[in-house]
C-alpha cells in the first residue's frame, strides 16, 4: 500500500494539513493552548505567539517539500488515483495528531489539548482517537481498497493541484485577521522600553489601543502603509507584514 512514491509523498501534505488544522483551530480560534504553553520560561505572550508563528512557518516548509515530491512522482508517471491520494492525506493528517499527542502532550509535556479542563487527559485521548486514529484508519482503508495501481494518471495532476490549493489555502487562512479586525498587533524585542514604543507609535501616526504591562505586545490603530516602520523601532513581528504575523491577529487582549 505504501510502496509507491506517490503514496509516500501524499502523506507529507497530510501532515501539514493536520498541523495547520491544529494551529488555526486550537491556537488561534479556540485559543485552548499555544505550542509551548507548559514550557517554563515562555509565559511571556511574545514568546508564546512567536513560537506559534515559527510552527506555522515550519508547516509551510514541510508542505512545500511534500508538494515537490508529489510533483516529481507525477512527472515520472508514478501518480495514483484520487482515492489513493486522499488515503495518503488522511494517513498524514492522522499521523500528525497521533505524534502530537504522544510527543507534545505526554512525553515532552509542552502543551495539552485543553489546558483549562479539569480532566486534560480526557481531551487528549478524545483528540487522539477522533483526529488521529480515525483518519489514519480511513486512509489505510482507501489505500487497500484502491489497490495502489497507477491508473488514473491524467486525474492525478488535477488532484495534485487541488492538494496544493488546499494546503496553501490552509496556511493563508492562518495569516488572515478575524472578520472586522481593524487594528495591528506589534511584538517588540525585550530591549525596547515603553518610551521607545510610544515614540514608534507616534512616528507611525498611530494610536495605542492596548498593551501588556511591559508594553512588549501592543495593539495599535495605524494605517497599513505604516506597519513596516515598527521594525525600524525594534519590533520582532508586526501583524500583516510577514509570514508568522497572522498568528497575532487572533490573540485575545
C-alpha atoms as a PDB file:
ATOM      1  CA  UNK A   1       0.000   0.000   0.000  1.00  0.00           C
ATOM      2  CA  UNK A   2       2.827   2.411   0.803  1.00  0.00           C
ATOM      3  CA  UNK A   3       5.307   1.186  -1.794  1.00  0.00           C
ATOM      4  CA  UNK A   4       4.816   3.905  -4.430  1.00  0.00           C
ATOM      5  CA  UNK A   5       6.444   7.323  -4.196  1.00  0.00           C
ATOM      6  CA  UNK A   6       3.080   8.945  -4.918  1.00  0.00           C
ATOM      7  CA  UNK A   7       1.587   7.356  -1.820  1.00  0.00           C
ATOM      8  CA  UNK A   8       4.528   8.121   0.451  1.00  0.00           C
ATOM      9  CA  UNK A   9       4.750  11.751  -0.638  1.00  0.00           C
ATOM     10  CA  UNK A  10       0.982  12.236  -0.310  1.00  0.00           C
ATOM     11  CA  UNK A  11       1.346  11.598   3.418  1.00  0.00           C
ATOM     12  CA  UNK A  12       3.568  14.687   3.823  1.00  0.00           C
ATOM     13  CA  UNK A  13       0.944  17.320   2.826  1.00  0.00           C
ATOM     14  CA  UNK A  14      -1.488  15.433   5.046  1.00  0.00           C
ATOM     15  CA  UNK A  15       0.847  16.007   7.983  1.00  0.00           C
ATOM     16  CA  UNK A  16       0.962  19.742   7.245  1.00  0.00           C
ATOM     17  CA  UNK A  17      -2.827  19.924   6.911  1.00  0.00           C
ATOM     18  CA  UNK A  18      -3.011  18.356  10.361  1.00  0.00           C
ATOM     19  CA  UNK A  19      -0.551  20.939  11.663  1.00  0.00           C
ATOM     20  CA  UNK A  20      -2.455  23.848  10.129  1.00  0.00           C
ATOM     21  CA  UNK A  21      -5.732  22.443  11.479  1.00  0.00           C
ATOM     22  CA  UNK A  22      -4.205  22.242  14.951  1.00  0.00           C
ATOM     23  CA  UNK A  23      -2.663  25.708  14.822  1.00  0.00           C
ATOM     24  CA  UNK A  24      -5.639  27.518  13.324  1.00  0.00           C
ATOM     25  CA  UNK A  25      -8.344  25.864  15.419  1.00  0.00           C
ATOM     26  CA  UNK A  26      -6.637  25.334  18.783  1.00  0.00           C
ATOM     27  CA  UNK A  27      -4.034  28.124  18.860  1.00  0.00           C
ATOM     28  CA  UNK A  28      -5.983  30.914  17.183  1.00  0.00           C
ATOM     29  CA  UNK A  29      -9.748  30.378  17.047  1.00  0.00           C
ATOM     30  CA  UNK A  30     -10.436  28.433  20.254  1.00  0.00           C
ATOM     31  CA  UNK A  31      -7.170  29.524  21.945  1.00  0.00           C
ATOM     32  CA  UNK A  32      -7.086  26.400  24.101  1.00  0.00           C
ATOM     33  CA  UNK A  33      -3.296  26.350  24.084  1.00  0.00           C
ATOM     34  CA  UNK A  34      -0.148  27.644  22.422  1.00  0.00           C
ATOM     35  CA  UNK A  35       2.687  25.477  21.182  1.00  0.00           C
ATOM     36  CA  UNK A  36       4.801  25.999  24.326  1.00  0.00           C
ATOM     37  CA  UNK A  37       2.061  26.710  26.870  1.00  0.00           C
ATOM     38  CA  UNK A  38       3.567  24.451  29.558  1.00  0.00           C
ATOM     39  CA  UNK A  39       7.253  25.157  28.939  1.00  0.00           C
ATOM     40  CA  UNK A  40       8.848  27.058  31.860  1.00  0.00           C
ATOM     41  CA  UNK A  41      10.220  30.457  30.908  1.00  0.00           C
ATOM     42  CA  UNK A  42       7.833  31.014  27.988  1.00  0.00           C
ATOM     43  CA  UNK A  43       4.972  32.596  29.934  1.00  0.00           C
ATOM     44  CA  UNK A  44       5.553  35.869  28.081  1.00  0.00           C
ATOM     45  CA  UNK A  45       2.903  36.323  25.392  1.00  0.00           C
ATOM     46  CA  UNK A  46       5.626  37.402  22.977  1.00  0.00           C
ATOM     47  CA  UNK A  47       7.393  34.071  23.281  1.00  0.00           C
ATOM     48  CA  UNK A  48       4.180  32.054  23.051  1.00  0.00           C
ATOM     49  CA  UNK A  49       2.926  33.697  19.882  1.00  0.00           C
ATOM     50  CA  UNK A  50       6.372  33.876  18.313  1.00  0.00           C
ATOM     51  CA  UNK A  51       6.789  30.104  18.593  1.00  0.00           C
ATOM     52  CA  UNK A  52       3.297  29.595  17.183  1.00  0.00           C
ATOM     53  CA  UNK A  53       4.487  31.621  14.214  1.00  0.00           C
ATOM     54  CA  UNK A  54       7.636  29.522  13.834  1.00  0.00           C
ATOM     55  CA  UNK A  55       5.429  26.437  13.908  1.00  0.00           C
ATOM     56  CA  UNK A  56       3.312  27.693  11.003  1.00  0.00           C
ATOM     57  CA  UNK A  57       6.442  28.661   9.079  1.00  0.00           C
ATOM     58  CA  UNK A  58       7.768  25.114   9.524  1.00  0.00           C
ATOM     59  CA  UNK A  59       4.480  23.721   8.225  1.00  0.00           C
ATOM     60  CA  UNK A  60       4.941  25.795   5.068  1.00  0.00           C
ATOM     61  CA  UNK A  61       8.405  24.307   4.525  1.00  0.00           C
ATOM     62  CA  UNK A  62       7.170  20.746   5.035  1.00  0.00           C
ATOM     63  CA  UNK A  63       4.177  21.382   2.754  1.00  0.00           C
ATOM     64  CA  UNK A  64       6.457  22.679   0.002  1.00  0.00           C
ATOM     65  CA  UNK A  65       8.623  19.567   0.293  1.00  0.00           C
ATOM     66  CA  UNK A  66       5.577  17.305   0.094  1.00  0.00           C
ATOM     67  CA  UNK A  67       4.120  19.054  -2.950  1.00  0.00           C
ATOM     68  CA  UNK A  68       7.522  18.944  -4.656  1.00  0.00           C
ATOM     69  CA  UNK A  69       7.722  15.192  -4.035  1.00  0.00           C
ATOM     70  CA  UNK A  70       4.217  14.640  -5.394  1.00  0.00           C
ATOM     71  CA  UNK A  71       5.028  16.665  -8.489  1.00  0.00           C
ATOM     72  CA  UNK A  72       8.174  14.625  -9.149  1.00  0.00           C
ATOM     73  CA  UNK A  73       6.233  11.392  -8.740  1.00  0.00           C
ATOM     74  CA  UNK A  74       3.602  12.656 -11.167  1.00  0.00           C
ATOM     75  CA  UNK A  75       6.226  13.697 -13.722  1.00  0.00           C
ATOM     76  CA  UNK A  76       7.713  10.205 -13.534  1.00  0.00           C
ATOM     77  CA  UNK A  77       4.275   8.737 -14.273  1.00  0.00           C
ATOM     78  CA  UNK A  78       4.114   7.263 -10.782  1.00  0.00           C
ATOM     79  CA  UNK A  79       0.900   9.018  -9.832  1.00  0.00           C
ATOM     80  CA  UNK A  80      -2.032   7.105  -8.413  1.00  0.00           C
ATOM     81  CA  UNK A  81      -5.763   7.586  -8.347  1.00  0.00           C
ATOM     82  CA  UNK A  82      -7.739  10.194  -6.447  1.00  0.00           C
ATOM     83  CA  UNK A  83      -8.722   7.798  -3.633  1.00  0.00           C
ATOM     84  CA  UNK A  84      -5.078   6.783  -3.365  1.00  0.00           C
ATOM     85  CA  UNK A  85      -4.058  10.415  -2.881  1.00  0.00           C
ATOM     86  CA  UNK A  86      -6.862  11.035  -0.401  1.00  0.00           C
ATOM     87  CA  UNK A  87      -5.820   7.952   1.537  1.00  0.00           C
ATOM     88  CA  UNK A  88      -2.276   9.270   1.905  1.00  0.00           C
ATOM     89  CA  UNK A  89      -3.553  12.671   3.012  1.00  0.00           C
ATOM     90  CA  UNK A  90      -5.769  11.103   5.664  1.00  0.00           C
ATOM     91  CA  UNK A  91      -2.895   8.980   6.940  1.00  0.00           C
ATOM     92  CA  UNK A  92      -0.689  12.071   7.202  1.00  0.00           C
ATOM     93  CA  UNK A  93      -3.434  14.077   8.899  1.00  0.00           C
ATOM     94  CA  UNK A  94      -3.981  11.361  11.475  1.00  0.00           C
ATOM     95  CA  UNK A  95      -0.258  10.751  11.886  1.00  0.00           C
ATOM     96  CA  UNK A  96       0.292  14.382  12.850  1.00  0.00           C
ATOM     97  CA  UNK A  97      -2.306  14.257  15.621  1.00  0.00           C
ATOM     98  CA  UNK A  98      -1.038  10.931  16.945  1.00  0.00           C
ATOM     99  CA  UNK A  99       2.569  12.143  17.034  1.00  0.00           C
ATOM    100  CA  UNK A 100       1.497  15.445  18.583  1.00  0.00           C
ATOM    101  CA  UNK A 101      -0.440  13.580  21.257  1.00  0.00           C
ATOM    102  CA  UNK A 102       2.352  11.184  22.173  1.00  0.00           C
ATOM    103  CA  UNK A 103       5.267  13.619  21.938  1.00  0.00           C
ATOM    104  CA  UNK A 104       3.865  17.064  22.777  1.00  0.00           C
ATOM    105  CA  UNK A 105       1.165  16.080  25.272  1.00  0.00           C
ATOM    106  CA  UNK A 106       2.560  13.076  27.122  1.00  0.00           C
ATOM    107  CA  UNK A 107       6.315  12.681  26.639  1.00  0.00           C
ATOM    108  CA  UNK A 108       7.530  16.289  26.365  1.00  0.00           C
ATOM    109  CA  UNK A 109       4.546  17.893  28.110  1.00  0.00           C
ATOM    110  CA  UNK A 110       4.838  21.206  26.247  1.00  0.00           C
ATOM    111  CA  UNK A 111       1.053  21.625  25.999  1.00  0.00           C
ATOM    112  CA  UNK A 112      -2.266  19.783  26.308  1.00  0.00           C
ATOM    113  CA  UNK A 113      -5.337  19.998  24.088  1.00  0.00           C
ATOM    114  CA  UNK A 114      -7.455  21.957  26.594  1.00  0.00           C
ATOM    115  CA  UNK A 115      -5.355  23.467  29.346  1.00  0.00           C
ATOM    116  CA  UNK A 116      -8.212  24.823  31.455  1.00  0.00           C
ATOM    117  CA  UNK A 117     -10.060  21.497  31.565  1.00  0.00           C
ATOM    118  CA  UNK A 118     -10.312  19.697  34.941  1.00  0.00           C
ATOM    119  CA  UNK A 119      -9.526  16.498  33.022  1.00  0.00           C
ATOM    120  CA  UNK A 120      -6.981  17.329  30.276  1.00  0.00           C
ATOM    121  CA  UNK A 121      -6.219  13.654  29.655  1.00  0.00           C
ATOM    122  CA  UNK A 122      -9.805  13.092  28.515  1.00  0.00           C
ATOM    123  CA  UNK A 123      -9.424  15.818  25.876  1.00  0.00           C
ATOM    124  CA  UNK A 124      -6.028  14.461  24.820  1.00  0.00           C
ATOM    125  CA  UNK A 125      -7.423  10.961  24.324  1.00  0.00           C
ATOM    126  CA  UNK A 126     -10.573  12.163  22.550  1.00  0.00           C
ATOM    127  CA  UNK A 127      -8.483  14.246  20.139  1.00  0.00           C
ATOM    128  CA  UNK A 128      -6.032  11.375  19.631  1.00  0.00           C
ATOM    129  CA  UNK A 129      -8.770   8.978  18.551  1.00  0.00           C
ATOM    130  CA  UNK A 130     -11.070  11.408  16.696  1.00  0.00           C
ATOM    131  CA  UNK A 131      -8.431  13.270  14.679  1.00  0.00           C
ATOM    132  CA  UNK A 132      -5.550  10.799  14.842  1.00  0.00           C
ATOM    133  CA  UNK A 133      -6.556   7.171  14.678  1.00  0.00           C
ATOM    134  CA  UNK A 134      -9.845   7.508  12.783  1.00  0.00           C
ATOM    135  CA  UNK A 135      -8.430   9.493   9.813  1.00  0.00           C
ATOM    136  CA  UNK A 136      -5.374   7.214   9.652  1.00  0.00           C
ATOM    137  CA  UNK A 137      -7.525   4.074   9.607  1.00  0.00           C
ATOM    138  CA  UNK A 138      -9.785   5.621   6.961  1.00  0.00           C
ATOM    139  CA  UNK A 139      -6.729   6.434   4.851  1.00  0.00           C
ATOM    140  CA  UNK A 140      -5.384   2.895   5.113  1.00  0.00           C
ATOM    141  CA  UNK A 141      -8.795   1.573   4.108  1.00  0.00           C
ATOM    142  CA  UNK A 142      -8.835   3.753   0.985  1.00  0.00           C
ATOM    143  CA  UNK A 143      -5.349   2.607   0.009  1.00  0.00           C
ATOM    144  CA  UNK A 144      -6.244  -1.044   0.489  1.00  0.00           C
ATOM    145  CA  UNK A 145      -9.491  -0.689  -1.459  1.00  0.00           C
ATOM    146  CA  UNK A 146      -7.874   1.289  -4.274  1.00  0.00           C
ATOM    147  CA  UNK A 147      -5.025  -1.165  -4.614  1.00  0.00           C
ATOM    148  CA  UNK A 148      -2.336   1.440  -5.314  1.00  0.00           C
ATOM    149  CA  UNK A 149      -2.378   0.999  -9.089  1.00  0.00           C
ATOM    150  CA  UNK A 150      -1.035   3.601 -11.462  1.00  0.00           C
ATOM    151  CA  UNK A 151      -4.395   4.057 -13.162  1.00  0.00           C
ATOM    152  CA  UNK A 152      -5.920   7.463 -13.394  1.00  0.00           C
ATOM    153  CA  UNK A 153      -2.705   9.352 -14.132  1.00  0.00           C
ATOM    154  CA  UNK A 154      -4.461  12.181 -16.040  1.00  0.00           C
ATOM    155  CA  UNK A 155      -6.569  12.841 -12.960  1.00  0.00           C
ATOM    156  CA  UNK A 156      -3.539  12.717 -10.690  1.00  0.00           C
ATOM    157  CA  UNK A 157      -2.363  16.102 -11.951  1.00  0.00           C
ATOM    158  CA  UNK A 158      -5.702  17.682 -11.103  1.00  0.00           C
ATOM    159  CA  UNK A 159      -5.664  16.011  -7.706  1.00  0.00           C
ATOM    160  CA  UNK A 160      -2.161  17.359  -7.090  1.00  0.00           C
ATOM    161  CA  UNK A 161      -3.275  20.891  -7.945  1.00  0.00           C
ATOM    162  CA  UNK A 162      -6.219  20.522  -5.575  1.00  0.00           C
ATOM    163  CA  UNK A 163      -3.974  19.341  -2.751  1.00  0.00           C
ATOM    164  CA  UNK A 164      -1.637  22.263  -3.365  1.00  0.00           C
ATOM    165  CA  UNK A 165      -4.513  24.731  -3.311  1.00  0.00           C
ATOM    166  CA  UNK A 166      -5.929  23.307  -0.076  1.00  0.00           C
ATOM    167  CA  UNK A 167      -2.514  23.252   1.615  1.00  0.00           C
ATOM    168  CA  UNK A 168      -1.598  26.793   0.591  1.00  0.00           C
ATOM    169  CA  UNK A 169      -5.104  27.987   1.427  1.00  0.00           C
ATOM    170  CA  UNK A 170      -4.871  26.497   4.909  1.00  0.00           C
ATOM    171  CA  UNK A 171      -1.650  28.359   5.543  1.00  0.00           C
ATOM    172  CA  UNK A 172      -3.030  31.574   4.085  1.00  0.00           C
ATOM    173  CA  UNK A 173      -6.028  31.330   6.401  1.00  0.00           C
ATOM    174  CA  UNK A 174      -3.635  31.390   9.349  1.00  0.00           C
ATOM    175  CA  UNK A 175      -2.356  34.764   8.163  1.00  0.00           C
ATOM    176  CA  UNK A 176      -5.750  36.434   7.978  1.00  0.00           C
ATOM    177  CA  UNK A 177      -7.143  38.634  10.759  1.00  0.00           C
ATOM    178  CA  UNK A 178     -10.560  37.889  12.220  1.00  0.00           C
ATOM    179  CA  UNK A 179     -13.512  39.480  10.417  1.00  0.00           C
ATOM    180  CA  UNK A 180     -13.861  43.156  11.256  1.00  0.00           C
ATOM    181  CA  UNK A 181     -10.371  43.426  12.769  1.00  0.00           C
ATOM    182  CA  UNK A 182      -9.038  46.929  12.089  1.00  0.00           C
ATOM    183  CA  UNK A 183      -6.071  47.028  14.470  1.00  0.00           C
ATOM    184  CA  UNK A 184      -2.441  45.954  14.188  1.00  0.00           C
ATOM    185  CA  UNK A 185      -0.652  43.856  16.805  1.00  0.00           C
ATOM    186  CA  UNK A 186       3.062  44.557  17.275  1.00  0.00           C
ATOM    187  CA  UNK A 187       5.543  42.493  19.304  1.00  0.00           C
ATOM    188  CA  UNK A 188       8.705  44.338  20.374  1.00  0.00           C
ATOM    189  CA  UNK A 189      12.009  42.834  21.457  1.00  0.00           C
ATOM    190  CA  UNK A 190      12.920  42.807  25.148  1.00  0.00           C
ATOM    191  CA  UNK A 191      15.355  45.691  24.740  1.00  0.00           C
ATOM    192  CA  UNK A 192      12.681  48.175  23.654  1.00  0.00           C
ATOM    193  CA  UNK A 193      11.238  50.183  26.543  1.00  0.00           C
ATOM    194  CA  UNK A 194       7.801  51.813  26.919  1.00  0.00           C
ATOM    195  CA  UNK A 195       9.089  55.264  25.927  1.00  0.00           C
ATOM    196  CA  UNK A 196      10.551  53.879  22.706  1.00  0.00           C
ATOM    197  CA  UNK A 197       7.331  52.018  21.954  1.00  0.00           C
ATOM    198  CA  UNK A 198       5.262  55.177  22.376  1.00  0.00           C
ATOM    199  CA  UNK A 199       7.711  57.077  20.177  1.00  0.00           C
ATOM    200  CA  UNK A 200       7.383  54.420  17.470  1.00  0.00           C
ATOM    201  CA  UNK A 201       3.591  54.661  17.607  1.00  0.00           C
ATOM    202  CA  UNK A 202       3.761  58.452  17.341  1.00  0.00           C
ATOM    203  CA  UNK A 203       6.182  58.261  14.399  1.00  0.00           C
ATOM    204  CA  UNK A 204       3.722  55.966  12.616  1.00  0.00           C
ATOM    205  CA  UNK A 205       0.819  58.360  13.300  1.00  0.00           C
ATOM    206  CA  UNK A 206      -0.849  55.568  15.246  1.00  0.00           C
ATOM    207  CA  UNK A 207      -2.981  55.293  18.362  1.00  0.00           C
ATOM    208  CA  UNK A 208      -2.340  52.890  21.217  1.00  0.00           C
ATOM    209  CA  UNK A 209      -5.375  50.646  21.803  1.00  0.00           C
ATOM    210  CA  UNK A 210      -3.999  48.061  24.249  1.00  0.00           C
ATOM    211  CA  UNK A 211      -0.705  46.822  25.655  1.00  0.00           C
ATOM    212  CA  UNK A 212       0.596  44.299  28.126  1.00  0.00           C
ATOM    213  CA  UNK A 213       2.101  45.705  31.363  1.00  0.00           C
ATOM    214  CA  UNK A 214       5.624  45.859  29.922  1.00  0.00           C
ATOM    215  CA  UNK A 215       4.435  47.225  26.553  1.00  0.00           C
ATOM    216  CA  UNK A 216       6.168  44.338  24.840  1.00  0.00           C
ATOM    217  CA  UNK A 217       2.957  43.491  22.973  1.00  0.00           C
ATOM    218  CA  UNK A 218       0.776  46.374  21.811  1.00  0.00           C
ATOM    219  CA  UNK A 219      -2.341  46.750  19.716  1.00  0.00           C
ATOM    220  CA  UNK A 220      -2.237  49.888  17.594  1.00  0.00           C
ATOM    221  CA  UNK A 221      -4.696  51.665  15.349  1.00  0.00           C
ATOM    222  CA  UNK A 222      -2.408  52.511  12.430  1.00  0.00           C
ATOM    223  CA  UNK A 223      -2.558  52.665   8.657  1.00  0.00           C
ATOM    224  CA  UNK A 224      -1.396  49.587   6.698  1.00  0.00           C
ATOM    225  CA  UNK A 225       1.315  51.613   4.974  1.00  0.00           C
ATOM    226  CA  UNK A 226       2.910  52.444   8.342  1.00  0.00           C
ATOM    227  CA  UNK A 227       3.235  48.895   9.684  1.00  0.00           C
ATOM    228  CA  UNK A 228       6.764  48.307   8.440  1.00  0.00           C
ATOM    229  CA  UNK A 229       8.018  51.368  10.325  1.00  0.00           C
ATOM    230  CA  UNK A 230       7.748  49.422  13.598  1.00  0.00           C
ATOM    231  CA  UNK A 231      10.575  47.135  12.510  1.00  0.00           C
ATOM    232  CA  UNK A 232      12.912  50.129  12.468  1.00  0.00           C
ATOM    233  CA  UNK A 233      11.930  50.732  16.103  1.00  0.00           C
ATOM    234  CA  UNK A 234      12.845  47.213  17.230  1.00  0.00           C
ATOM    235  CA  UNK A 235       9.690  45.200  16.547  1.00  0.00           C
ATOM    236  CA  UNK A 236      10.070  41.440  16.257  1.00  0.00           C
ATOM    237  CA  UNK A 237       6.893  40.863  14.284  1.00  0.00           C
ATOM    238  CA  UNK A 238       4.083  43.059  13.021  1.00  0.00           C
ATOM    239  CA  UNK A 239       0.645  41.826  12.057  1.00  0.00           C
ATOM    240  CA  UNK A 240       0.072  41.733   8.323  1.00  0.00           C
ATOM    241  CA  UNK A 241       3.708  42.235   7.326  1.00  0.00           C
ATOM    242  CA  UNK A 242       5.255  38.782   7.468  1.00  0.00           C
ATOM    243  CA  UNK A 243       4.778  35.030   7.346  1.00  0.00           C
ATOM    244  CA  UNK A 244       4.109  34.436  11.028  1.00  0.00           C
ATOM    245  CA  UNK A 245       2.344  37.690  11.807  1.00  0.00           C
ATOM    246  CA  UNK A 246      -1.147  36.321  11.244  1.00  0.00           C
ATOM    247  CA  UNK A 247      -0.874  34.385  14.488  1.00  0.00           C
ATOM    248  CA  UNK A 248      -1.166  37.640  16.427  1.00  0.00           C
ATOM    249  CA  UNK A 249      -4.481  38.623  14.873  1.00  0.00           C
ATOM    250  CA  UNK A 250      -6.376  36.054  16.909  1.00  0.00           C
ATOM    251  CA  UNK A 251      -4.885  36.699  20.353  1.00  0.00           C
ATOM    252  CA  UNK A 252      -7.449  37.926  22.842  1.00  0.00           C
ATOM    253  CA  UNK A 253      -6.448  41.130  24.599  1.00  0.00           C
END
